[in-house]
Amino acid sequence: MPAGTLDVMKLPGDPPTYQIMFEENAGGTFVHRVDADELAPFLHEELRINQATAVQAANKAQQDGRIRIPEVVLEENNLHASMDYMEAEDLGTE
């Protein structure tokens, strides 16, 4: 199971969207974008994050614009099925 940091960031726009990025401790970055009403359900239902944590993270991202949660462990199958893998060149960190 991959462990890493979950980063949820509010993107500008009307209505706002949210970028969800998971950075594995061992390397590798996954990303997904959702609308505000899909944020907590995506975190809970797709990434299988505890529901209370998913709701708290969604609320914090909506209120403050960003939340980073370290030490998150996700199941490999859920991660690959629900998020896009970002190569180093996609991130601009070659």
PDB file of N, CA and C in Angstrom:
ATOM      1  N   MET A   1       0.836  -1.172   0.000  1.00  0.00           N
ATOM      2  CA  MET A   1       0.000   0.000   0.000  1.00  0.00           C
ATOM      3  C   MET A   1       0.886   1.243   0.000  1.00  0.00           C
ATOM      4  N   PRO A   2       0.643   2.151  -0.947  1.00  0.00           N
ATOM      5  CA  PRO A   2       1.458   3.360  -0.998  1.00  0.00           C
ATOM      6  C   PRO A   2       1.114   4.332   0.129  1.00  0.00           C
ATOM      7  N   ALA A   3       2.157   4.931   0.693  1.00  0.00           N
ATOM      8  CA  ALA A   3       2.001   5.950   1.724  1.00  0.00           C
ATOM      9  C   ALA A   3       2.551   7.252   1.172  1.00  0.00           C
ATOM     10  N   GLY A   4       1.952   8.357   1.583  1.00  0.00           N
ATOM     11  CA  GLY A   4       2.421   9.645   1.106  1.00  0.00           C
ATOM     12  C   GLY A   4       1.599  10.789   1.653  1.00  0.00           C
ATOM     13  N   THR A   5       1.633  11.909   0.927  1.00  0.00           N
ATOM     14  CA  THR A   5       0.940  13.123   1.330  1.00  0.00           C
ATOM     15  C   THR A   5      -0.206  13.402   0.375  1.00  0.00           C
ATOM     16  N   LEU A   6      -1.372  13.639   0.928  1.00  0.00           N
ATOM     17  CA  LEU A   6      -2.544  14.013   0.149  1.00  0.00           C
ATOM     18  C   LEU A   6      -2.648  15.531   0.190  1.00  0.00           C
ATOM     19  N   ASP A   7      -2.729  16.150  -0.972  1.00  0.00           N
ATOM     20  CA  ASP A   7      -2.773  17.607  -1.102  1.00  0.00           C
ATOM     21  C   ASP A   7      -4.039  17.969  -1.874  1.00  0.00           C
ATOM     22  N   VAL A   8      -4.932  18.703  -1.239  1.00  0.00           N
ATOM     23  CA  VAL A   8      -6.178  19.127  -1.873  1.00  0.00           C
ATOM     24  C   VAL A   8      -6.135  20.648  -1.979  1.00  0.00           C
ATOM     25  N   MET A   9      -6.247  21.158  -3.213  1.00  0.00           N
ATOM     26  CA  MET A   9      -6.117  22.584  -3.449  1.00  0.00           C
ATOM     27  C   MET A   9      -7.310  23.108  -4.253  1.00  0.00           C
ATOM     28  N   LYS A  10      -7.868  24.220  -3.800  1.00  0.00           N
ATOM     29  CA  LYS A  10      -8.968  24.890  -4.489  1.00  0.00           C
ATOM     30  C   LYS A  10      -8.391  25.658  -5.675  1.00  0.00           C
ATOM     31  N   LEU A  11      -8.962  25.443  -6.861  1.00  0.00           N
ATOM     32  CA  LEU A  11      -8.522  26.133  -8.058  1.00  0.00           C
ATOM     33  C   LEU A  11      -9.470  27.292  -8.358  1.00  0.00           C
ATOM     34  N   PRO A  12      -8.941  28.378  -8.910  1.00  0.00           N
ATOM     35  CA  PRO A  12      -9.805  29.515  -9.200  1.00  0.00           C
ATOM     36  C   PRO A  12     -10.818  29.182 -10.287  1.00  0.00           C
ATOM     37  N   GLY A  13     -11.920  29.860 -10.243  1.00  0.00           N
ATOM     38  CA  GLY A  13     -12.963  29.662 -11.235  1.00  0.00           C
ATOM     39  C   GLY A  13     -14.327  29.756 -10.595  1.00  0.00           C
ATOM     40  N   ASP A  14     -15.318  29.814 -11.435  1.00  0.00           N
ATOM     41  CA  ASP A  14     -16.678  29.882 -10.936  1.00  0.00           C
ATOM     42  C   ASP A  14     -17.522  28.893 -11.717  1.00  0.00           C
ATOM     43  N   PRO A  15     -17.930  27.800 -11.142  1.00  0.00           N
ATOM     44  CA  PRO A  15     -17.680  27.382  -9.761  1.00  0.00           C
ATOM     45  C   PRO A  15     -16.251  26.857  -9.595  1.00  0.00           C
ATOM     46  N   PRO A  16     -15.741  26.883  -8.371  1.00  0.00           N
ATOM     47  CA  PRO A  16     -14.389  26.382  -8.149  1.00  0.00           C
ATOM     48  C   PRO A  16     -14.300  24.868  -8.339  1.00  0.00           C
ATOM     49  N   THR A  17     -13.117  24.418  -8.713  1.00  0.00           N
ATOM     50  CA  THR A  17     -12.824  22.992  -8.768  1.00  0.00           C
ATOM     51  C   THR A  17     -11.671  22.732  -7.811  1.00  0.00           C
ATOM     52  N   TYR A  18     -11.429  21.463  -7.527  1.00  0.00           N
ATOM     53  CA  TYR A  18     -10.403  21.087  -6.571  1.00  0.00           C
ATOM     54  C   TYR A  18      -9.450  20.095  -7.205  1.00  0.00           C
ATOM     55  N   GLN A  19      -8.160  20.365  -7.050  1.00  0.00           N
ATOM     56  CA  GLN A  19      -7.132  19.435  -7.500  1.00  0.00           C
ATOM     57  C   GLN A  19      -6.735  18.568  -6.321  1.00  0.00           C
ATOM     58  N   ILE A  20      -6.787  17.280  -6.525  1.00  0.00           N
ATOM     59  CA  ILE A  20      -6.377  16.328  -5.497  1.00  0.00           C
ATOM     60  C   ILE A  20      -5.091  15.685  -5.988  1.00  0.00           C
ATOM     61  N   MET A  21      -4.029  15.830  -5.205  1.00  0.00           N
ATOM     62  CA  MET A  21      -2.744  15.265  -5.585  1.00  0.00           C
ATOM     63  C   MET A  21      -2.260  14.357  -4.458  1.00  0.00           C
ATOM     64  N   PHE A  22      -1.773  13.195  -4.834  1.00  0.00           N
ATOM     65  CA  PHE A  22      -1.192  12.273  -3.864  1.00  0.00           C
ATOM     66  C   PHE A  22       0.259  12.057  -4.248  1.00  0.00           C
ATOM     67  N   GLU A  23       1.170  12.435  -3.360  1.00  0.00           N
ATOM     68  CA  GLU A  23       2.597  12.285  -3.593  1.00  0.00           C
ATOM     69  C   GLU A  23       3.107  11.136  -2.725  1.00  0.00           C
ATOM     70  N   GLU A  24       3.498  10.058  -3.393  1.00  0.00           N
ATOM     71  CA  GLU A  24       3.995   8.895  -2.658  1.00  0.00           C
ATOM     72  C   GLU A  24       5.344   9.207  -2.018  1.00  0.00           C
ATOM     73  N   ASN A  25       5.583   8.669  -0.837  1.00  0.00           N
ATOM     74  CA  ASN A  25       6.871   8.837  -0.176  1.00  0.00           C
ATOM     75  C   ASN A  25       7.993   8.213  -0.998  1.00  0.00           C
ATOM     76  N   ALA A  26       7.691   7.121  -1.683  1.00  0.00           N
ATOM     77  CA  ALA A  26       8.708   6.416  -2.470  1.00  0.00           C
ATOM     78  C   ALA A  26       8.838   6.986  -3.881  1.00  0.00           C
ATOM     79  N   GLY A  27       8.145   8.049  -4.178  1.00  0.00           N
ATOM     80  CA  GLY A  27       8.167   8.636  -5.515  1.00  0.00           C
ATOM     81  C   GLY A  27       6.873   8.323  -6.238  1.00  0.00           C
ATOM     82  N   GLY A  28       6.562   9.113  -7.198  1.00  0.00           N
ATOM     83  CA  GLY A  28       5.317   8.939  -7.935  1.00  0.00           C
ATOM     84  C   GLY A  28       4.276   9.925  -7.442  1.00  0.00           C
ATOM     85  N   THR A  29       3.572  10.515  -8.381  1.00  0.00           N
ATOM     86  CA  THR A  29       2.551  11.498  -8.058  1.00  0.00           C
ATOM     87  C   THR A  29       1.301  11.188  -8.862  1.00  0.00           C
ATOM     88  N   PHE A  30       0.175  11.260  -8.209  1.00  0.00           N
ATOM     89  CA  PHE A  30      -1.112  11.005  -8.837  1.00  0.00           C
ATOM     90  C   PHE A  30      -1.977  12.246  -8.664  1.00  0.00           C
ATOM     91  N   VAL A  31      -2.818  12.537  -9.662  1.00  0.00           N
ATOM     92  CA  VAL A  31      -3.624  13.748  -9.604  1.00  0.00           C
ATOM     93  C   VAL A  31      -5.026  13.485 -10.154  1.00  0.00           C
ATOM     94  N   HIS A  32      -5.978  14.255  -9.646  1.00  0.00           N
ATOM     95  CA  HIS A  32      -7.369  14.181 -10.120  1.00  0.00           C
ATOM     96  C   HIS A  32      -8.015  15.527  -9.828  1.00  0.00           C
ATOM     97  N   ARG A  33      -8.998  15.912 -10.622  1.00  0.00           N
ATOM     98  CA  ARG A  33      -9.709  17.174 -10.425  1.00  0.00           C
ATOM     99  C   ARG A  33     -11.204  16.890 -10.291  1.00  0.00           C
ATOM    100  N   VAL A  34     -11.853  17.536  -9.299  1.00  0.00           N
ATOM    101  CA  VAL A  34     -13.285  17.336  -9.067  1.00  0.00           C
ATOM    102  C   VAL A  34     -13.969  18.665  -8.776  1.00  0.00           C
ATOM    103  N   ASP A  35     -15.288  18.677  -8.936  1.00  0.00           N
ATOM    104  CA  ASP A  35     -16.096  19.830  -8.536  1.00  0.00           C
ATOM    105  C   ASP A  35     -16.289  19.803  -7.029  1.00  0.00           C
ATOM    106  N   ALA A  36     -16.724  20.926  -6.477  1.00  0.00           N
ATOM    107  CA  ALA A  36     -16.887  21.060  -5.021  1.00  0.00           C
ATOM    108  C   ALA A  36     -17.802  19.999  -4.431  1.00  0.00           C
ATOM    109  N   ASP A  37     -18.913  19.719  -5.095  1.00  0.00           N
ATOM    110  CA  ASP A  37     -19.864  18.755  -4.543  1.00  0.00           C
ATOM    111  C   ASP A  37     -19.371  17.312  -4.639  1.00  0.00           C
ATOM    112  N   GLU A  38     -18.327  17.074  -5.410  1.00  0.00           N
ATOM    113  CA  GLU A  38     -17.771  15.725  -5.567  1.00  0.00           C
ATOM    114  C   GLU A  38     -16.549  15.479  -4.677  1.00  0.00           C
ATOM    115  N   LEU A  39     -16.056  16.519  -4.013  1.00  0.00           N
ATOM    116  CA  LEU A  39     -14.792  16.418  -3.287  1.00  0.00           C
ATOM    117  C   LEU A  39     -14.826  15.383  -2.155  1.00  0.00           C
ATOM    118  N   ALA A  40     -15.690  15.560  -1.172  1.00  0.00           N
ATOM    119  CA  ALA A  40     -15.752  14.614  -0.050  1.00  0.00           C
ATOM    120  C   ALA A  40     -16.134  13.211  -0.519  1.00  0.00           C
ATOM    121  N   PRO A  41     -17.141  13.059  -1.405  1.00  0.00           N
ATOM    122  CA  PRO A  41     -17.456  11.706  -1.883  1.00  0.00           C
ATOM    123  C   PRO A  41     -16.286  11.041  -2.612  1.00  0.00           C
ATOM    124  N   PHE A  42     -15.534  11.795  -3.407  1.00  0.00           N
ATOM    125  CA  PHE A  42     -14.382  11.214  -4.098  1.00  0.00           C
ATOM    126  C   PHE A  42     -13.338  10.719  -3.093  1.00  0.00           C
ATOM    127  N   LEU A  43     -13.018  11.554  -2.118  1.00  0.00           N
ATOM    128  CA  LEU A  43     -12.016  11.164  -1.122  1.00  0.00           C
ATOM    129  C   LEU A  43     -12.444   9.907  -0.377  1.00  0.00           C
ATOM    130  N   HIS A  44     -13.717   9.835  -0.024  1.00  0.00           N
ATOM    131  CA  HIS A  44     -14.206   8.690   0.749  1.00  0.00           C
ATOM    132  C   HIS A  44     -14.485   7.466  -0.121  1.00  0.00           C
ATOM    133  N   GLU A  45     -15.237   7.647  -1.191  1.00  0.00           N
ATOM    134  CA  GLU A  45     -15.691   6.496  -1.979  1.00  0.00           C
ATOM    135  C   GLU A  45     -14.640   5.962  -2.944  1.00  0.00           C
ATOM    136  N   GLU A  46     -13.850   6.838  -3.538  1.00  0.00           N
ATOM    137  CA  GLU A  46     -12.866   6.389  -4.525  1.00  0.00           C
ATOM    138  C   GLU A  46     -11.506   6.084  -3.892  1.00  0.00           C
ATOM    139  N   LEU A  47     -11.037   6.965  -3.017  1.00  0.00           N
ATOM    140  CA  LEU A  47      -9.734   6.746  -2.386  1.00  0.00           C
ATOM    141  C   LEU A  47      -9.827   5.959  -1.095  1.00  0.00           C
ATOM    142  N   ARG A  48     -11.049   5.750  -0.614  1.00  0.00           N
ATOM    143  CA  ARG A  48     -11.321   4.965   0.597  1.00  0.00           C
ATOM    144  C   ARG A  48     -10.712   5.591   1.852  1.00  0.00           C
ATOM    145  N   ILE A  49     -10.741   6.913   1.899  1.00  0.00           N
ATOM    146  CA  ILE A  49     -10.315   7.619   3.097  1.00  0.00           C
ATOM    147  C   ILE A  49     -11.484   7.612   4.077  1.00  0.00           C
ATOM    148  N   ASN A  50     -11.191   7.487   5.338  1.00  0.00           N
ATOM    149  CA  ASN A  50     -12.201   7.509   6.389  1.00  0.00           C
ATOM    150  C   ASN A  50     -13.162   8.667   6.142  1.00  0.00           C
ATOM    151  N   GLN A  51     -14.469   8.430   6.275  1.00  0.00           N
ATOM    152  CA  GLN A  51     -15.470   9.431   5.936  1.00  0.00           C
ATOM    153  C   GLN A  51     -15.305  10.724   6.733  1.00  0.00           C
ATOM    154  N   ALA A  52     -15.058  10.627   8.011  1.00  0.00           N
ATOM    155  CA  ALA A  52     -14.899  11.836   8.825  1.00  0.00           C
ATOM    156  C   ALA A  52     -13.692  12.650   8.351  1.00  0.00           C
ATOM    157  N   THR A  53     -12.604  11.978   8.025  1.00  0.00           N
ATOM    158  CA  THR A  53     -11.407  12.655   7.522  1.00  0.00           C
ATOM    159  C   THR A  53     -11.681  13.278   6.161  1.00  0.00           C
ATOM    160  N   ALA A  54     -12.404  12.572   5.300  1.00  0.00           N
ATOM    161  CA  ALA A  54     -12.732  13.086   3.964  1.00  0.00           C
ATOM    162  C   ALA A  54     -13.577  14.350   4.062  1.00  0.00           C
ATOM    163  N   VAL A  55     -14.576  14.354   4.925  1.00  0.00           N
ATOM    164  CA  VAL A  55     -15.444  15.526   5.095  1.00  0.00           C
ATOM    165  C   VAL A  55     -14.649  16.686   5.684  1.00  0.00           C
ATOM    166  N   GLN A  56     -13.819  16.397   6.676  1.00  0.00           N
ATOM    167  CA  GLN A  56     -12.999  17.436   7.300  1.00  0.00           C
ATOM    168  C   GLN A  56     -12.022  18.035   6.281  1.00  0.00           C
ATOM    169  N   ALA A  57     -11.399  17.205   5.474  1.00  0.00           N
ATOM    170  CA  ALA A  57     -10.459  17.688   4.461  1.00  0.00           C
ATOM    171  C   ALA A  57     -11.172  18.533   3.415  1.00  0.00           C
ATOM    172  N   ALA A  58     -12.347  18.104   2.980  1.00  0.00           N
ATOM    173  CA  ALA A  58     -13.113  18.860   1.992  1.00  0.00           C
ATOM    174  C   ALA A  58     -13.519  20.219   2.558  1.00  0.00           C
ATOM    175  N   ASN A  59     -13.986  20.236   3.790  1.00  0.00           N
ATOM    176  CA  ASN A  59     -14.385  21.503   4.417  1.00  0.00           C
ATOM    177  C   ASN A  59     -13.200  22.458   4.556  1.00  0.00           C
ATOM    178  N   LYS A  60     -12.069  21.920   4.966  1.00  0.00           N
ATOM    179  CA  LYS A  60     -10.865  22.744   5.150  1.00  0.00           C
ATOM    180  C   LYS A  60     -10.392  23.299   3.810  1.00  0.00           C
ATOM    181  N   ALA A  61     -10.398  22.486   2.760  1.00  0.00           N
ATOM    182  CA  ALA A  61      -9.974  22.944   1.429  1.00  0.00           C
ATOM    183  C   ALA A  61     -10.931  24.009   0.909  1.00  0.00           C
ATOM    184  N   GLN A  62     -12.218  23.840   1.144  1.00  0.00           N
ATOM    185  CA  GLN A  62     -13.193  24.819   0.681  1.00  0.00           C
ATOM    186  C   GLN A  62     -13.064  26.133   1.448  1.00  0.00           C
ATOM    187  N   GLN A  63     -12.772  26.048   2.728  1.00  0.00           N
ATOM    188  CA  GLN A  63     -12.664  27.240   3.573  1.00  0.00           C
ATOM    189  C   GLN A  63     -11.326  27.951   3.397  1.00  0.00           C
ATOM    190  N   ASP A  64     -10.219  27.200   3.456  1.00  0.00           N
ATOM    191  CA  ASP A  64      -8.880  27.799   3.453  1.00  0.00           C
ATOM    192  C   ASP A  64      -8.198  27.780   2.087  1.00  0.00           C
ATOM    193  N   GLY A  65      -8.742  27.020   1.153  1.00  0.00           N
ATOM    194  CA  GLY A  65      -8.150  26.959  -0.172  1.00  0.00           C
ATOM    195  C   GLY A  65      -7.179  25.807  -0.375  1.00  0.00           C
ATOM    196  N   ARG A  66      -6.691  25.218   0.711  1.00  0.00           N
ATOM    197  CA  ARG A  66      -5.746  24.107   0.565  1.00  0.00           C
ATOM    198  C   ARG A  66      -5.601  23.355   1.878  1.00  0.00           C
ATOM    199  N   ILE A  67      -5.381  22.062   1.754  1.00  0.00           N
ATOM    200  CA  ILE A  67      -5.045  21.238   2.915  1.00  0.00           C
ATOM    201  C   ILE A  67      -4.065  20.166   2.468  1.00  0.00           C
ATOM    202  N   ARG A  68      -3.050  19.938   3.289  1.00  0.00           N
ATOM    203  CA  ARG A  68      -2.082  18.860   3.054  1.00  0.00           C
ATOM    204  C   ARG A  68      -2.174  17.903   4.240  1.00  0.00           C
ATOM    205  N   ILE A  69      -2.339  16.624   3.918  1.00  0.00           N
ATOM    206  CA  ILE A  69      -2.459  15.608   4.960  1.00  0.00           C
ATOM    207  C   ILE A  69      -1.314  14.617   4.788  1.00  0.00           C
ATOM    208  N   PRO A  70      -0.325  14.639   5.681  1.00  0.00           N
ATOM    209  CA  PRO A  70       0.797  13.700   5.581  1.00  0.00           C
ATOM    210  C   PRO A  70       0.417  12.318   6.107  1.00  0.00           C
ATOM    211  N   GLU A  71       1.240  11.357   5.785  1.00  0.00           N
ATOM    212  CA  GLU A  71       1.104   9.996   6.319  1.00  0.00           C
ATOM    213  C   GLU A  71      -0.204   9.316   5.943  1.00  0.00           C
ATOM    214  N   VAL A  72      -0.682   9.554   4.735  1.00  0.00           N
ATOM    215  CA  VAL A  72      -1.895   8.895   4.239  1.00  0.00           C
ATOM    216  C   VAL A  72      -1.488   7.595   3.559  1.00  0.00           C
ATOM    217  N   VAL A  73      -2.213   6.525   3.834  1.00  0.00           N
ATOM    218  CA  VAL A  73      -1.961   5.232   3.198  1.00  0.00           C
ATOM    219  C   VAL A  73      -3.184   4.888   2.357  1.00  0.00           C
ATOM    220  N   LEU A  74      -2.959   4.666   1.066  1.00  0.00           N
ATOM    221  CA  LEU A  74      -4.039   4.329   0.147  1.00  0.00           C
ATOM    222  C   LEU A  74      -3.805   2.948  -0.434  1.00  0.00           C
ATOM    223  N   GLU A  75      -4.875   2.290  -0.821  1.00  0.00           N
ATOM    224  CA  GLU A  75      -4.736   1.003  -1.487  1.00  0.00           C
ATOM    225  C   GLU A  75      -4.320   1.234  -2.930  1.00  0.00           C
ATOM    226  N   GLU A  76      -3.365   0.472  -3.396  1.00  0.00           N
ATOM    227  CA  GLU A  76      -2.813   0.627  -4.741  1.00  0.00           C
ATOM    228  C   GLU A  76      -3.897   0.587  -5.814  1.00  0.00           C
ATOM    229  N   ASN A  77      -4.830  -0.342  -5.719  1.00  0.00           N
ATOM    230  CA  ASN A  77      -5.879  -0.465  -6.732  1.00  0.00           C
ATOM    231  C   ASN A  77      -6.766   0.772  -6.792  1.00  0.00           C
ATOM    232  N   ASN A  78      -7.123   1.334  -5.640  1.00  0.00           N
ATOM    233  CA  ASN A  78      -7.958   2.530  -5.611  1.00  0.00           C
ATOM    234  C   ASN A  78      -7.219   3.723  -6.191  1.00  0.00           C
ATOM    235  N   LEU A  79      -5.954   3.824  -5.893  1.00  0.00           N
ATOM    236  CA  LEU A  79      -5.141   4.937  -6.367  1.00  0.00           C
ATOM    237  C   LEU A  79      -5.038   4.930  -7.885  1.00  0.00           C
ATOM    238  N   HIS A  80      -4.675   3.800  -8.451  1.00  0.00           N
ATOM    239  CA  HIS A  80      -4.502   3.710  -9.905  1.00  0.00           C
ATOM    240  C   HIS A  80      -5.834   3.795 -10.646  1.00  0.00           C
ATOM    241  N   ALA A  81      -6.892   3.293 -10.060  1.00  0.00           N
ATOM    242  CA  ALA A  81      -8.185   3.297 -10.736  1.00  0.00           C
ATOM    243  C   ALA A  81      -8.830   4.676 -10.763  1.00  0.00           C
ATOM    244  N   SER A  82      -8.561   5.513  -9.772  1.00  0.00           N
ATOM    245  CA  SER A  82      -9.290   6.773  -9.659  1.00  0.00           C
ATOM    246  C   SER A  82      -8.484   8.021  -9.989  1.00  0.00           C
ATOM    247  N   MET A  83      -7.150   7.910 -10.047  1.00  0.00           N
ATOM    248  CA  MET A  83      -6.319   9.089 -10.278  1.00  0.00           C
ATOM    249  C   MET A  83      -5.341   8.836 -11.428  1.00  0.00           C
ATOM    250  N   ASP A  84      -4.902   9.918 -12.066  1.00  0.00           N
ATOM    251  CA  ASP A  84      -3.950   9.832 -13.164  1.00  0.00           C
ATOM    252  C   ASP A  84      -2.529   9.936 -12.624  1.00  0.00           C
ATOM    253  N   TYR A  85      -1.649   9.065 -13.121  1.00  0.00           N
ATOM    254  CA  TYR A  85      -0.242   9.113 -12.735  1.00  0.00           C
ATOM    255  C   TYR A  85       0.429  10.255 -13.469  1.00  0.00           C
ATOM    256  N   MET A  86       1.179  11.069 -12.764  1.00  0.00           N
ATOM    257  CA  MET A  86       1.882  12.196 -13.376  1.00  0.00           C
ATOM    258  C   MET A  86       3.368  11.865 -13.483  1.00  0.00           C
ATOM    259  N   GLU A  87       3.886  11.959 -14.681  1.00  0.00           N
ATOM    260  CA  GLU A  87       5.322  11.775 -14.903  1.00  0.00           C
ATOM    261  C   GLU A  87       6.055  13.030 -14.439  1.00  0.00           C
ATOM    262  N   ALA A  88       7.354  12.931 -14.196  1.00  0.00           N
ATOM    263  CA  ALA A  88       8.150  14.064 -13.736  1.00  0.00           C
ATOM    264  C   ALA A  88       8.057  15.221 -14.728  1.00  0.00           C
ATOM    265  N   GLU A  89       8.083  14.935 -16.041  1.00  0.00           N
ATOM    266  CA  GLU A  89       8.006  16.019 -17.018  1.00  0.00           C
ATOM    267  C   GLU A  89       6.631  16.697 -17.007  1.00  0.00           C
ATOM    268  N   ASP A  90       5.575  15.969 -16.629  1.00  0.00           N
ATOM    269  CA  ASP A  90       4.248  16.565 -16.510  1.00  0.00           C
ATOM    270  C   ASP A  90       4.208  17.587 -15.373  1.00  0.00           C
ATOM    271  N   LEU A  91       5.007  17.341 -14.356  1.00  0.00           N
ATOM    272  CA  LEU A  91       5.045  18.218 -13.189  1.00  0.00           C
ATOM    273  C   LEU A  91       6.076  19.325 -13.331  1.00  0.00           C
ATOM    274  N   GLY A  92       6.916  19.240 -14.354  1.00  0.00           N
ATOM    275  CA  GLY A  92       7.952  20.244 -14.542  1.00  0.00           C
ATOM    276  C   GLY A  92       9.120  20.082 -13.594  1.00  0.00           C
ATOM    277  N   THR A  93       9.344  18.861 -13.122  1.00  0.00           N
ATOM    278  CA  THR A  93      10.450  18.595 -12.194  1.00  0.00           C
ATOM    279  C   THR A  93      11.339  17.496 -12.731  1.00  0.00           C
ATOM    280  N   GLU A  94      11.897  17.713 -13.888  1.00  0.00           N
ATOM    281  CA  GLU A  94      12.733  16.677 -14.519  1.00  0.00           C
ATOM    282  C   GLU A  94      14.032  16.503 -13.775  1.00  0.00           C
TER     283      GLU A  94
END
